[in-house]
Amino acid sequence: MTQYSEPLIVEITRIFKRDYNLVLSRDQALEYLDDLVDFFLAFYPLPSESARESRPPKAGGIPSPDLIYPHSC
């Protein structure tokens, strides 16, 4: 089981109470977080160490905000 911070667990239980009127136990919140992580990893798997090492470095870095949102003249 993955380790989660206590504030995250508290926030998950608060959201379920506020949005769904459900009271989760700490164990239920941990199970939900594990399921959520598994869901995201199914679609966005973490690259393996060897894949990270063989990938060429990215060139250019972060584009300038002016390139993303050009100013209107």
Protein backbone atom coordinates (compact mmCIF):
# COMPACT_ATOMS: atom_id res chain seq x y z
CA MET A 1 0.00 0.00 0.00
CA THR A 2 1.25 3.48 -0.88
CA GLN A 3 1.91 5.97 1.89
CA TYR A 4 -0.28 9.09 1.75
CA SER A 5 -0.02 12.24 3.80
CA GLU A 6 -2.53 12.72 6.58
CA PRO A 7 -3.82 16.04 5.12
CA LEU A 8 -4.61 14.24 1.84
CA ILE A 9 -6.55 11.53 3.64
CA VAL A 10 -8.48 14.14 5.63
CA GLU A 11 -9.22 16.10 2.44
CA ILE A 12 -10.57 12.99 0.66
CA THR A 13 -12.91 12.24 3.56
CA ARG A 14 -14.02 15.90 3.64
CA ILE A 15 -14.76 15.90 -0.11
CA PHE A 16 -16.81 12.71 0.11
CA LYS A 17 -18.81 14.15 3.01
CA ARG A 18 -19.37 17.50 1.25
CA ASP A 19 -20.05 16.28 -2.30
CA TYR A 20 -21.64 12.86 -1.76
CA ASN A 21 -22.84 13.01 1.85
CA LEU A 22 -20.79 9.87 2.55
CA VAL A 23 -18.67 9.40 5.63
CA LEU A 24 -15.52 7.44 4.83
CA SER A 25 -13.37 5.73 7.39
CA ARG A 26 -9.62 6.24 7.18
CA ASP A 27 -9.26 2.73 5.68
CA GLN A 28 -11.91 3.48 3.04
CA ALA A 29 -10.14 6.73 2.12
CA LEU A 30 -6.83 4.85 1.76
CA GLU A 31 -8.50 2.19 -0.41
CA TYR A 32 -10.05 4.92 -2.58
CA LEU A 33 -6.65 6.63 -3.01
CA ASP A 34 -5.03 3.31 -3.97
CA ASP A 35 -7.78 2.69 -6.54
CA LEU A 36 -7.39 6.21 -7.90
CA VAL A 37 -3.62 5.80 -8.31
CA ASP A 38 -4.13 2.40 -10.00
CA PHE A 39 -6.64 3.98 -12.40
CA PHE A 40 -4.25 6.74 -13.43
CA LEU A 41 -1.31 4.38 -13.75
CA ALA A 42 -3.38 2.20 -16.10
CA PHE A 43 -3.64 5.13 -18.52
CA TYR A 44 -0.40 6.95 -17.72
CA PRO A 45 2.18 4.35 -16.68
CA LEU A 46 5.38 5.55 -15.14
CA PRO A 47 8.34 5.10 -17.46
CA SER A 48 10.83 2.47 -16.44
CA GLU A 49 14.35 3.49 -15.44
CA SER A 50 15.79 2.11 -18.67
CA ALA A 51 13.23 4.03 -20.76
CA ARG A 52 14.10 7.25 -18.92
CA GLU A 53 17.81 6.73 -19.52
CA SER A 54 17.43 5.95 -23.24
CA ARG A 55 15.18 8.91 -24.00
CA PRO A 56 16.97 11.95 -25.47
CA PRO A 57 16.81 15.14 -23.39
CA LYS A 58 14.09 17.61 -24.28
CA ALA A 59 15.24 20.68 -26.18
CA GLY A 60 13.89 24.16 -25.67
CA GLY A 61 12.32 23.85 -22.24
CA ILE A 62 9.14 25.74 -21.41
CA PRO A 63 7.88 28.02 -24.21
CA SER A 64 7.45 31.71 -23.56
CA PRO A 65 3.93 32.76 -22.52
CA ASP A 66 3.99 35.14 -25.53
CA LEU A 67 4.21 32.13 -27.83
CA ILE A 68 1.28 30.44 -26.13
CA TYR A 69 -0.94 33.53 -25.75
CA PRO A 70 0.18 36.15 -28.31
CA HIS A 71 -0.76 39.70 -27.40
CA SER A 72 -3.48 41.21 -29.53
CA CYS A 73 -2.42 44.41 -31.29
